[in-house]
Amino acid sequence: MTSHQSTQTMKPATAAKKLGVYLEATPAEFREGVVSRAELNALQADPPQWLRDLRRDGPHPRPVVAAKLGVSIAGLARGGVTEPLTTEQIEALKQERPEWLERERATQAEVRKEAARLKERDAERAQQGD
């Protein structure tokens, strides 16, 4: 009896998320098909021009926008940013430095600082437990 390995596929939305691009901005053939694991790996290893352009110029999905602005996804929502943004729009926000962005960046910095403190504390506890 031979084992038959089925090809692992994913929905375009999942593949777009893994590639860090906004699904609605991808080509129709990408949005309307399914993506195999091999195809995803090929896209990551040697991105076609459309993927390079999307990653460079956008529009970017919320997780990417949040990362580029240095805030959380919830912080974007609190700031009223609910739509995908292009790289140009993100750079404009960085230049304008609206009050909400500065506040959310400060909040994010505090969250990171607290996470680092807890990680250090847990590492010390683990050492003491040895």
C-alpha atoms as a PDB file:
ATOM      1  CA  MET A   1       0.000   0.000   0.000  1.00  0.00           C
ATOM      2  CA  THR A   2       1.496   3.326  -1.036  1.00  0.00           C
ATOM      3  CA  SER A   3       0.845   6.462   0.936  1.00  0.00           C
ATOM      4  CA  HIS A   4      -0.519   9.339  -1.058  1.00  0.00           C
ATOM      5  CA  GLN A   5       0.502  12.729   0.231  1.00  0.00           C
ATOM      6  CA  SER A   6      -2.151  15.310  -0.489  1.00  0.00           C
ATOM      7  CA  THR A   7      -1.120  18.803  -1.462  1.00  0.00           C
ATOM      8  CA  GLN A   8      -1.687  21.213   1.362  1.00  0.00           C
ATOM      9  CA  THR A   9      -3.600  24.270   0.147  1.00  0.00           C
ATOM     10  CA  MET A  10      -4.902  27.436   1.754  1.00  0.00           C
ATOM     11  CA  LYS A  11      -7.396  30.123   0.976  1.00  0.00           C
ATOM     12  CA  PRO A  12      -6.068  33.270  -0.691  1.00  0.00           C
ATOM     13  CA  ALA A  13      -6.837  35.271   2.482  1.00  0.00           C
ATOM     14  CA  THR A  14      -4.557  33.003   4.519  1.00  0.00           C
ATOM     15  CA  ALA A  15      -1.792  33.189   1.918  1.00  0.00           C
ATOM     16  CA  ALA A  16      -2.075  37.002   1.752  1.00  0.00           C
ATOM     17  CA  LYS A  17      -1.802  37.178   5.529  1.00  0.00           C
ATOM     18  CA  LYS A  18       1.306  34.992   5.492  1.00  0.00           C
ATOM     19  CA  LEU A  19       2.795  37.165   2.735  1.00  0.00           C
ATOM     20  CA  GLY A  20       1.944  40.378   4.641  1.00  0.00           C
ATOM     21  CA  VAL A  21      -0.155  41.910   1.871  1.00  0.00           C
ATOM     22  CA  TYR A  22      -3.690  43.262   1.594  1.00  0.00           C
ATOM     23  CA  LEU A  23      -5.800  40.616  -0.156  1.00  0.00           C
ATOM     24  CA  GLU A  24      -7.994  43.072  -2.071  1.00  0.00           C
ATOM     25  CA  ALA A  25      -4.906  44.583  -3.725  1.00  0.00           C
ATOM     26  CA  THR A  26      -3.617  41.248  -5.049  1.00  0.00           C
ATOM     27  CA  PRO A  27      -4.220  40.169  -8.667  1.00  0.00           C
ATOM     28  CA  ALA A  28      -7.567  38.513  -9.439  1.00  0.00           C
ATOM     29  CA  GLU A  29      -5.943  35.158 -10.243  1.00  0.00           C
ATOM     30  CA  PHE A  30      -4.438  35.107  -6.736  1.00  0.00           C
ATOM     31  CA  ARG A  31      -7.716  36.090  -5.011  1.00  0.00           C
ATOM     32  CA  GLU A  32      -9.847  33.611  -6.952  1.00  0.00           C
ATOM     33  CA  GLY A  33      -7.737  30.475  -6.610  1.00  0.00           C
ATOM     34  CA  VAL A  34      -6.196  28.413  -3.861  1.00  0.00           C
ATOM     35  CA  VAL A  35      -2.543  28.542  -2.900  1.00  0.00           C
ATOM     36  CA  SER A  36      -0.522  25.432  -2.228  1.00  0.00           C
ATOM     37  CA  ARG A  37       2.243  25.331   0.354  1.00  0.00           C
ATOM     38  CA  ALA A  38       4.762  24.985  -2.507  1.00  0.00           C
ATOM     39  CA  GLU A  39       3.320  28.037  -4.285  1.00  0.00           C
ATOM     40  CA  LEU A  40       3.475  30.062  -1.061  1.00  0.00           C
ATOM     41  CA  ASN A  41       7.094  29.044  -0.534  1.00  0.00           C
ATOM     42  CA  ALA A  42       7.891  30.022  -4.128  1.00  0.00           C
ATOM     43  CA  LEU A  43       6.203  33.422  -3.663  1.00  0.00           C
ATOM     44  CA  GLN A  44       8.229  34.021  -0.502  1.00  0.00           C
ATOM     45  CA  ALA A  45      11.517  32.848  -2.014  1.00  0.00           C
ATOM     46  CA  ASP A  46      11.212  34.706  -5.323  1.00  0.00           C
ATOM     47  CA  PRO A  47       8.378  37.262  -5.146  1.00  0.00           C
ATOM     48  CA  PRO A  48       6.877  38.298  -8.495  1.00  0.00           C
ATOM     49  CA  GLN A  49       6.782  41.997  -9.358  1.00  0.00           C
ATOM     50  CA  TRP A  50       3.192  42.465  -8.133  1.00  0.00           C
ATOM     51  CA  LEU A  51       4.149  41.139  -4.702  1.00  0.00           C
ATOM     52  CA  ARG A  52       7.294  43.282  -4.492  1.00  0.00           C
ATOM     53  CA  ASP A  53       5.242  46.353  -5.475  1.00  0.00           C
ATOM     54  CA  LEU A  54       2.551  45.607  -2.877  1.00  0.00           C
ATOM     55  CA  ARG A  55       5.085  45.089  -0.124  1.00  0.00           C
ATOM     56  CA  ARG A  56       6.869  48.325  -1.048  1.00  0.00           C
ATOM     57  CA  ASP A  57       3.944  50.652  -1.843  1.00  0.00           C
ATOM     58  CA  GLY A  58       0.846  49.067  -0.295  1.00  0.00           C
ATOM     59  CA  PRO A  59      -1.945  49.293   0.402  1.00  0.00           C
ATOM     60  CA  HIS A  60      -0.865  47.461   3.531  1.00  0.00           C
ATOM     61  CA  PRO A  61      -3.083  45.379   5.870  1.00  0.00           C
ATOM     62  CA  ARG A  62      -3.605  46.617   9.435  1.00  0.00           C
ATOM     63  CA  PRO A  63      -0.893  44.464  11.060  1.00  0.00           C
ATOM     64  CA  VAL A  64       1.688  45.888   8.646  1.00  0.00           C
ATOM     65  CA  VAL A  65       0.407  49.456   9.087  1.00  0.00           C
ATOM     66  CA  ALA A  66       0.543  49.058  12.872  1.00  0.00           C
ATOM     67  CA  ALA A  67       4.100  47.704  12.739  1.00  0.00           C
ATOM     68  CA  LYS A  68       5.291  50.487  10.429  1.00  0.00           C
ATOM     69  CA  LEU A  69       3.769  53.111  12.757  1.00  0.00           C
ATOM     70  CA  GLY A  70       5.025  51.408  15.916  1.00  0.00           C
ATOM     71  CA  VAL A  71       1.574  50.949  17.444  1.00  0.00           C
ATOM     72  CA  SER A  72      -0.838  48.095  18.120  1.00  0.00           C
ATOM     73  CA  ILE A  73      -3.728  47.171  15.856  1.00  0.00           C
ATOM     74  CA  ALA A  74      -6.088  48.332  18.634  1.00  0.00           C
ATOM     75  CA  GLY A  75      -4.154  51.602  18.709  1.00  0.00           C
ATOM     76  CA  LEU A  76      -4.857  52.074  15.002  1.00  0.00           C
ATOM     77  CA  ALA A  77      -8.566  51.627  15.662  1.00  0.00           C
ATOM     78  CA  ARG A  78      -8.460  54.086  18.576  1.00  0.00           C
ATOM     79  CA  GLY A  79      -6.751  56.538  16.223  1.00  0.00           C
ATOM     80  CA  GLY A  80      -9.534  56.108  13.660  1.00  0.00           C
ATOM     81  CA  VAL A  81      -7.431  54.174  11.135  1.00  0.00           C
ATOM     82  CA  THR A  82      -9.643  51.352   9.929  1.00  0.00           C
ATOM     83  CA  GLU A  83      -8.690  51.140   6.246  1.00  0.00           C
ATOM     84  CA  PRO A  84      -5.494  49.813   4.660  1.00  0.00           C
ATOM     85  CA  LEU A  85      -2.896  52.534   4.081  1.00  0.00           C
ATOM     86  CA  THR A  86      -0.251  52.971   1.421  1.00  0.00           C
ATOM     87  CA  THR A  87       3.396  53.499   2.287  1.00  0.00           C
ATOM     88  CA  GLU A  88       2.968  57.151   1.257  1.00  0.00           C
ATOM     89  CA  GLN A  89       0.038  57.601   3.687  1.00  0.00           C
ATOM     90  CA  ILE A  90       2.016  55.934   6.471  1.00  0.00           C
ATOM     91  CA  GLU A  91       4.991  58.224   5.863  1.00  0.00           C
ATOM     92  CA  ALA A  92       2.652  61.253   5.886  1.00  0.00           C
ATOM     93  CA  LEU A  93       1.286  60.178   9.285  1.00  0.00           C
ATOM     94  CA  LYS A  94       4.827  59.798  10.599  1.00  0.00           C
ATOM     95  CA  GLN A  95       5.603  63.336   9.442  1.00  0.00           C
ATOM     96  CA  GLU A  96       2.375  64.846  10.808  1.00  0.00           C
ATOM     97  CA  ARG A  97       2.780  63.058  14.157  1.00  0.00           C
ATOM     98  CA  PRO A  98      -0.864  63.421  15.217  1.00  0.00           C
ATOM     99  CA  GLU A  99      -1.538  63.362  18.944  1.00  0.00           C
ATOM    100  CA  TRP A 100      -3.189  59.918  18.827  1.00  0.00           C
ATOM    101  CA  LEU A 101      -0.105  58.434  17.135  1.00  0.00           C
ATOM    102  CA  GLU A 102       2.265  59.833  19.753  1.00  0.00           C
ATOM    103  CA  ARG A 103      -0.004  58.566  22.541  1.00  0.00           C
ATOM    104  CA  GLU A 104      -0.278  55.084  21.009  1.00  0.00           C
ATOM    105  CA  ARG A 105       3.479  54.891  20.422  1.00  0.00           C
ATOM    106  CA  ALA A 106       4.050  55.748  24.085  1.00  0.00           C
ATOM    107  CA  THR A 107       1.528  53.090  25.119  1.00  0.00           C
ATOM    108  CA  GLN A 108       3.225  50.519  22.886  1.00  0.00           C
ATOM    109  CA  ALA A 109       6.633  51.408  24.346  1.00  0.00           C
ATOM    110  CA  GLU A 110       5.248  50.830  27.866  1.00  0.00           C
ATOM    111  CA  VAL A 111       3.781  47.481  26.821  1.00  0.00           C
ATOM    112  CA  ARG A 112       7.143  46.380  25.393  1.00  0.00           C
ATOM    113  CA  LYS A 113       8.972  47.564  28.512  1.00  0.00           C
ATOM    114  CA  GLU A 114       6.592  45.623  30.766  1.00  0.00           C
ATOM    115  CA  ALA A 115       6.895  42.502  28.604  1.00  0.00           C
ATOM    116  CA  ALA A 116      10.693  42.701  28.857  1.00  0.00           C
ATOM    117  CA  ARG A 117      10.473  43.140  32.642  1.00  0.00           C
ATOM    118  CA  LEU A 118       8.225  40.086  32.976  1.00  0.00           C
ATOM    119  CA  LYS A 119      10.477  38.007  30.730  1.00  0.00           C
ATOM    120  CA  GLU A 120      13.488  38.949  32.861  1.00  0.00           C
ATOM    121  CA  ARG A 121      11.593  38.168  36.062  1.00  0.00           C
ATOM    122  CA  ASP A 122      10.519  34.776  34.744  1.00  0.00           C
ATOM    123  CA  ALA A 123      14.088  33.976  33.651  1.00  0.00           C
ATOM    124  CA  GLU A 124      15.355  34.819  37.139  1.00  0.00           C
ATOM    125  CA  ARG A 125      12.680  32.614  38.698  1.00  0.00           C
ATOM    126  CA  ALA A 126      13.585  29.756  36.365  1.00  0.00           C
ATOM    127  CA  GLN A 127      17.262  30.075  37.343  1.00  0.00           C
ATOM    128  CA  GLN A 128      16.394  30.066  41.037  1.00  0.00           C
ATOM    129  CA  GLY A 129      14.300  26.956  40.538  1.00  0.00           C
ATOM    130  CA  ASP A 130      17.251  24.984  39.131  1.00  0.00           C
END
